[in-house]
């Protein structure tokens, strides 16, 4: 599990650092990376609420999500893809959400180091694999709230609810993230 978290952190660092030249190539007329593809990358953990899910994944399931937007606005709809995976005692739990999401500015902050609060919500398909069942689609969504920090960083908490389960397991629960927006 620790190796998975290390790999996810390393992949995100590389993605954030190495994606600038790639994004610049995708939009060669942009004056800076900030004018290229809007992207939010977040890493964190999902804390499943169900005991059947925790029996497969452990109490914290590491993973991440990427929000892709078609505009620079921080309040537009985005396409969000994610992946979480955890295992205990040879059993595994994986979930890959594919969601339409929206982020809304709740307020601006005058506090040094913080640039404001936001809320978020999303709905779509959660592809769930519990104990080798193969990925099965379930409909669900989330609501969330977060805090924008300086330098494009942010922290976010989300509550995910998915209708139905796969082998008794579902990704219902709280997800906590730290992320960066370009």
C-alpha atoms as a PDB file:
ATOM      1  CA  UNK A   1       0.000   0.000   0.000  1.00  0.00           C
ATOM      2  CA  UNK A   2       2.833   2.414   0.833  1.00  0.00           C
ATOM      3  CA  UNK A   3       4.458   1.635  -2.517  1.00  0.00           C
ATOM      4  CA  UNK A   4       1.206   2.462  -4.293  1.00  0.00           C
ATOM      5  CA  UNK A   5       0.966   5.811  -2.518  1.00  0.00           C
ATOM      6  CA  UNK A   6       4.608   6.580  -3.368  1.00  0.00           C
ATOM      7  CA  UNK A   7       4.005   5.691  -7.010  1.00  0.00           C
ATOM      8  CA  UNK A   8       0.899   7.897  -7.134  1.00  0.00           C
ATOM      9  CA  UNK A   9       2.769  10.850  -5.622  1.00  0.00           C
ATOM     10  CA  UNK A  10       5.682  10.382  -8.026  1.00  0.00           C
ATOM     11  CA  UNK A  11       3.343  10.094 -11.013  1.00  0.00           C
ATOM     12  CA  UNK A  12       1.542  13.289 -10.029  1.00  0.00           C
ATOM     13  CA  UNK A  13       4.779  15.223  -9.537  1.00  0.00           C
ATOM     14  CA  UNK A  14       5.969  14.040 -12.934  1.00  0.00           C
ATOM     15  CA  UNK A  15       2.612  14.796 -14.535  1.00  0.00           C
ATOM     16  CA  UNK A  16       2.501  18.315 -13.143  1.00  0.00           C
ATOM     17  CA  UNK A  17       6.110  19.026 -14.091  1.00  0.00           C
ATOM     18  CA  UNK A  18       6.240  17.229 -17.424  1.00  0.00           C
ATOM     19  CA  UNK A  19       2.800  18.231 -18.637  1.00  0.00           C
ATOM     20  CA  UNK A  20       3.773  21.872 -19.237  1.00  0.00           C
ATOM     21  CA  UNK A  21       5.769  21.164 -22.436  1.00  0.00           C
ATOM     22  CA  UNK A  22       3.083  18.771 -23.675  1.00  0.00           C
ATOM     23  CA  UNK A  23       0.309  21.285 -23.050  1.00  0.00           C
ATOM     24  CA  UNK A  24       2.386  23.992 -24.749  1.00  0.00           C
ATOM     25  CA  UNK A  25       2.709  21.765 -27.840  1.00  0.00           C
ATOM     26  CA  UNK A  26      -1.044  21.196 -27.877  1.00  0.00           C
ATOM     27  CA  UNK A  27      -1.566  24.972 -27.939  1.00  0.00           C
ATOM     28  CA  UNK A  28       1.564  26.497 -29.533  1.00  0.00           C
ATOM     29  CA  UNK A  29      -0.008  29.980 -29.813  1.00  0.00           C
ATOM     30  CA  UNK A  30      -0.460  30.274 -26.050  1.00  0.00           C
ATOM     31  CA  UNK A  31       1.726  32.865 -24.369  1.00  0.00           C
ATOM     32  CA  UNK A  32       2.179  30.711 -21.297  1.00  0.00           C
ATOM     33  CA  UNK A  33       1.262  27.356 -19.824  1.00  0.00           C
ATOM     34  CA  UNK A  34      -1.546  29.098 -17.920  1.00  0.00           C
ATOM     35  CA  UNK A  35      -3.289  29.728 -21.269  1.00  0.00           C
ATOM     36  CA  UNK A  36      -3.298  26.061 -22.299  1.00  0.00           C
ATOM     37  CA  UNK A  37      -5.567  23.155 -21.351  1.00  0.00           C
ATOM     38  CA  UNK A  38      -7.299  23.788 -17.989  1.00  0.00           C
ATOM     39  CA  UNK A  39      -6.534  20.883 -15.681  1.00  0.00           C
ATOM     40  CA  UNK A  40      -7.011  20.074 -11.987  1.00  0.00           C
ATOM     41  CA  UNK A  41      -5.050  17.141 -10.576  1.00  0.00           C
ATOM     42  CA  UNK A  42      -5.840  15.868  -7.089  1.00  0.00           C
ATOM     43  CA  UNK A  43      -4.446  13.040  -4.975  1.00  0.00           C
ATOM     44  CA  UNK A  44      -5.920  11.679  -1.813  1.00  0.00           C
ATOM     45  CA  UNK A  45      -7.774   8.882  -0.115  1.00  0.00           C
ATOM     46  CA  UNK A  46     -11.293   7.518  -0.163  1.00  0.00           C
ATOM     47  CA  UNK A  47     -12.537   6.431   3.265  1.00  0.00           C
ATOM     48  CA  UNK A  48     -15.317   3.898   2.568  1.00  0.00           C
ATOM     49  CA  UNK A  49     -18.280   3.978   4.936  1.00  0.00           C
ATOM     50  CA  UNK A  50     -19.320   0.332   4.466  1.00  0.00           C
ATOM     51  CA  UNK A  51     -17.724  -2.492   6.440  1.00  0.00           C
ATOM     52  CA  UNK A  52     -17.882  -4.845   3.408  1.00  0.00           C
ATOM     53  CA  UNK A  53     -15.859  -2.345   1.376  1.00  0.00           C
ATOM     54  CA  UNK A  54     -13.328  -1.771   4.172  1.00  0.00           C
ATOM     55  CA  UNK A  55     -12.874  -5.565   4.428  1.00  0.00           C
ATOM     56  CA  UNK A  56     -11.686  -5.542   0.791  1.00  0.00           C
ATOM     57  CA  UNK A  57      -9.816  -2.244   0.639  1.00  0.00           C
ATOM     58  CA  UNK A  58      -8.765  -1.243   4.125  1.00  0.00           C
ATOM     59  CA  UNK A  59      -9.974   1.924   5.811  1.00  0.00           C
ATOM     60  CA  UNK A  60      -8.210   4.261   3.363  1.00  0.00           C
ATOM     61  CA  UNK A  61      -8.170   3.702  -0.396  1.00  0.00           C
ATOM     62  CA  UNK A  62      -5.479   5.808  -2.141  1.00  0.00           C
ATOM     63  CA  UNK A  63      -6.221   7.341  -5.498  1.00  0.00           C
ATOM     64  CA  UNK A  64      -6.612  10.456  -7.524  1.00  0.00           C
ATOM     65  CA  UNK A  65      -8.835  12.391  -9.869  1.00  0.00           C
ATOM     66  CA  UNK A  66      -8.244  14.651 -12.864  1.00  0.00           C
ATOM     67  CA  UNK A  67     -10.687  17.382 -13.913  1.00  0.00           C
ATOM     68  CA  UNK A  68     -10.520  18.408 -17.591  1.00  0.00           C
ATOM     69  CA  UNK A  69     -12.249  21.638 -18.583  1.00  0.00           C
ATOM     70  CA  UNK A  70     -12.869  23.342 -21.905  1.00  0.00           C
ATOM     71  CA  UNK A  71     -12.390  26.858 -20.507  1.00  0.00           C
ATOM     72  CA  UNK A  72     -10.290  28.782 -17.978  1.00  0.00           C
ATOM     73  CA  UNK A  73     -13.261  29.540 -15.723  1.00  0.00           C
ATOM     74  CA  UNK A  74     -13.059  27.869 -12.329  1.00  0.00           C
ATOM     75  CA  UNK A  75     -16.841  27.459 -12.286  1.00  0.00           C
ATOM     76  CA  UNK A  76     -17.407  25.594 -15.572  1.00  0.00           C
ATOM     77  CA  UNK A  77     -18.536  22.022 -15.950  1.00  0.00           C
ATOM     78  CA  UNK A  78     -15.699  19.562 -16.288  1.00  0.00           C
ATOM     79  CA  UNK A  79     -15.155  15.937 -17.186  1.00  0.00           C
ATOM     80  CA  UNK A  80     -13.612  14.130 -14.223  1.00  0.00           C
ATOM     81  CA  UNK A  81     -11.866  10.767 -14.309  1.00  0.00           C
ATOM     82  CA  UNK A  82     -10.443   9.014 -11.283  1.00  0.00           C
ATOM     83  CA  UNK A  83      -8.988   5.800  -9.981  1.00  0.00           C
ATOM     84  CA  UNK A  84      -8.836   4.373  -6.454  1.00  0.00           C
ATOM     85  CA  UNK A  85      -7.466   0.981  -5.449  1.00  0.00           C
ATOM     86  CA  UNK A  86      -6.933  -0.810  -2.169  1.00  0.00           C
ATOM     87  CA  UNK A  87      -6.512  -4.342  -0.883  1.00  0.00           C
ATOM     88  CA  UNK A  88      -6.348  -6.342   2.331  1.00  0.00           C
ATOM     89  CA  UNK A  89      -5.654 -10.025   2.927  1.00  0.00           C
ATOM     90  CA  UNK A  90      -5.423 -10.787  -0.784  1.00  0.00           C
ATOM     91  CA  UNK A  91      -8.781  -9.166  -1.577  1.00  0.00           C
ATOM     92  CA  UNK A  92      -8.998  -6.006  -3.643  1.00  0.00           C
ATOM     93  CA  UNK A  93     -11.320  -3.101  -4.342  1.00  0.00           C
ATOM     94  CA  UNK A  94     -11.004  -0.746  -7.307  1.00  0.00           C
ATOM     95  CA  UNK A  95     -13.196   2.091  -8.490  1.00  0.00           C
ATOM     96  CA  UNK A  96     -12.862   4.324 -11.546  1.00  0.00           C
ATOM     97  CA  UNK A  97     -15.349   7.214 -11.588  1.00  0.00           C
ATOM     98  CA  UNK A  98     -16.223   8.979 -14.857  1.00  0.00           C
ATOM     99  CA  UNK A  99     -18.215  12.070 -13.917  1.00  0.00           C
ATOM    100  CA  UNK A 100     -19.551  15.399 -15.116  1.00  0.00           C
ATOM    101  CA  UNK A 101     -18.668  17.874 -12.371  1.00  0.00           C
ATOM    102  CA  UNK A 102     -19.143  21.534 -11.506  1.00  0.00           C
ATOM    103  CA  UNK A 103     -17.231  23.755  -9.126  1.00  0.00           C
ATOM    104  CA  UNK A 104     -18.734  26.982  -7.738  1.00  0.00           C
ATOM    105  CA  UNK A 105     -16.996  29.787  -5.888  1.00  0.00           C
ATOM    106  CA  UNK A 106     -18.522  30.178  -2.437  1.00  0.00           C
ATOM    107  CA  UNK A 107     -16.479  33.146  -1.215  1.00  0.00           C
ATOM    108  CA  UNK A 108     -13.197  34.973  -1.377  1.00  0.00           C
ATOM    109  CA  UNK A 109     -10.857  34.977   1.562  1.00  0.00           C
ATOM    110  CA  UNK A 110      -8.753  37.841   2.797  1.00  0.00           C
ATOM    111  CA  UNK A 111      -6.539  35.450   4.738  1.00  0.00           C
ATOM    112  CA  UNK A 112      -2.921  35.251   3.626  1.00  0.00           C
ATOM    113  CA  UNK A 113      -2.212  32.052   1.696  1.00  0.00           C
ATOM    114  CA  UNK A 114      -5.889  31.355   0.942  1.00  0.00           C
ATOM    115  CA  UNK A 115      -7.824  32.625  -2.051  1.00  0.00           C
ATOM    116  CA  UNK A 116     -11.331  31.381  -1.280  1.00  0.00           C
ATOM    117  CA  UNK A 117     -13.764  28.585  -0.618  1.00  0.00           C
ATOM    118  CA  UNK A 118     -15.555  26.539  -3.249  1.00  0.00           C
ATOM    119  CA  UNK A 119     -18.211  23.868  -3.504  1.00  0.00           C
ATOM    120  CA  UNK A 120     -18.340  21.033  -6.003  1.00  0.00           C
ATOM    121  CA  UNK A 121     -20.726  18.379  -7.196  1.00  0.00           C
ATOM    122  CA  UNK A 122     -20.622  15.654  -9.785  1.00  0.00           C
ATOM    123  CA  UNK A 123     -22.591  12.731 -11.134  1.00  0.00           C
ATOM    124  CA  UNK A 124     -22.011   9.902 -13.547  1.00  0.00           C
ATOM    125  CA  UNK A 125     -20.723   6.344 -13.719  1.00  0.00           C
ATOM    126  CA  UNK A 126     -18.602   4.633 -11.098  1.00  0.00           C
ATOM    127  CA  UNK A 127     -16.909   1.506 -12.463  1.00  0.00           C
ATOM    128  CA  UNK A 128     -16.456  -0.790  -9.453  1.00  0.00           C
ATOM    129  CA  UNK A 129     -14.387  -3.994  -9.178  1.00  0.00           C
ATOM    130  CA  UNK A 130     -14.802  -5.781  -5.847  1.00  0.00           C
ATOM    131  CA  UNK A 131     -12.860  -8.971  -5.129  1.00  0.00           C
ATOM    132  CA  UNK A 132     -12.152  -9.732  -8.778  1.00  0.00           C
ATOM    133  CA  UNK A 133     -15.724  -9.229 -10.002  1.00  0.00           C
ATOM    134  CA  UNK A 134     -14.570  -7.286 -13.047  1.00  0.00           C
ATOM    135  CA  UNK A 135     -15.590  -3.655 -13.460  1.00  0.00           C
ATOM    136  CA  UNK A 136     -19.343  -3.115 -13.175  1.00  0.00           C
ATOM    137  CA  UNK A 137     -20.965   0.294 -13.754  1.00  0.00           C
ATOM    138  CA  UNK A 138     -23.033   1.943 -11.025  1.00  0.00           C
ATOM    139  CA  UNK A 139     -24.636   5.400 -11.088  1.00  0.00           C
ATOM    140  CA  UNK A 140     -23.617   7.853  -8.404  1.00  0.00           C
ATOM    141  CA  UNK A 141     -22.348  11.256  -7.505  1.00  0.00           C
ATOM    142  CA  UNK A 142     -20.691  13.426  -4.925  1.00  0.00           C
ATOM    143  CA  UNK A 143     -20.913  16.764  -3.176  1.00  0.00           C
ATOM    144  CA  UNK A 144     -17.846  18.531  -1.892  1.00  0.00           C
ATOM    145  CA  UNK A 145     -16.267  21.650  -0.472  1.00  0.00           C
ATOM    146  CA  UNK A 146     -12.751  22.957  -0.589  1.00  0.00           C
ATOM    147  CA  UNK A 147     -10.321  25.759  -0.009  1.00  0.00           C
ATOM    148  CA  UNK A 148      -8.204  27.407  -2.704  1.00  0.00           C
ATOM    149  CA  UNK A 149      -4.652  28.157  -1.659  1.00  0.00           C
ATOM    150  CA  UNK A 150      -2.040  30.288  -3.398  1.00  0.00           C
ATOM    151  CA  UNK A 151      -0.058  28.945  -6.334  1.00  0.00           C
ATOM    152  CA  UNK A 152      -2.992  26.995  -7.774  1.00  0.00           C
ATOM    153  CA  UNK A 153      -3.057  24.556  -4.835  1.00  0.00           C
ATOM    154  CA  UNK A 154      -6.276  23.477  -3.145  1.00  0.00           C
ATOM    155  CA  UNK A 155      -7.664  21.033  -0.592  1.00  0.00           C
ATOM    156  CA  UNK A 156     -11.038  19.371  -1.044  1.00  0.00           C
ATOM    157  CA  UNK A 157     -13.361  17.022   0.841  1.00  0.00           C
ATOM    158  CA  UNK A 158     -16.078  15.078  -0.984  1.00  0.00           C
ATOM    159  CA  UNK A 159     -18.876  12.715   0.014  1.00  0.00           C
ATOM    160  CA  UNK A 160     -19.516  10.019  -2.624  1.00  0.00           C
ATOM    161  CA  UNK A 161     -22.779   8.085  -2.885  1.00  0.00           C
ATOM    162  CA  UNK A 162     -23.248   5.260  -5.391  1.00  0.00           C
ATOM    163  CA  UNK A 163     -26.499   3.386  -5.979  1.00  0.00           C
ATOM    164  CA  UNK A 164     -26.099  -0.325  -5.516  1.00  0.00           C
ATOM    165  CA  UNK A 165     -22.980  -2.325  -4.814  1.00  0.00           C
ATOM    166  CA  UNK A 166     -20.727  -4.943  -6.394  1.00  0.00           C
ATOM    167  CA  UNK A 167     -20.194  -8.074  -4.278  1.00  0.00           C
ATOM    168  CA  UNK A 168     -21.517  -6.060  -1.315  1.00  0.00           C
ATOM    169  CA  UNK A 169     -18.958  -3.260  -1.750  1.00  0.00           C
ATOM    170  CA  UNK A 170     -19.454   0.323  -2.919  1.00  0.00           C
ATOM    171  CA  UNK A 171     -17.375   3.510  -2.943  1.00  0.00           C
ATOM    172  CA  UNK A 172     -19.779   5.349  -0.638  1.00  0.00           C
ATOM    173  CA  UNK A 173     -17.775   7.471   1.768  1.00  0.00           C
ATOM    174  CA  UNK A 174     -15.597  10.531   2.253  1.00  0.00           C
ATOM    175  CA  UNK A 175     -12.697  11.415  -0.043  1.00  0.00           C
ATOM    176  CA  UNK A 176      -9.977  13.876   1.022  1.00  0.00           C
ATOM    177  CA  UNK A 177      -7.696  15.484  -1.579  1.00  0.00           C
ATOM    178  CA  UNK A 178      -4.856  17.895  -2.092  1.00  0.00           C
ATOM    179  CA  UNK A 179      -4.457  19.141  -5.621  1.00  0.00           C
ATOM    180  CA  UNK A 180      -3.192  21.698  -8.077  1.00  0.00           C
ATOM    181  CA  UNK A 181      -4.869  23.659 -10.831  1.00  0.00           C
ATOM    182  CA  UNK A 182      -2.874  25.013 -13.767  1.00  0.00           C
END
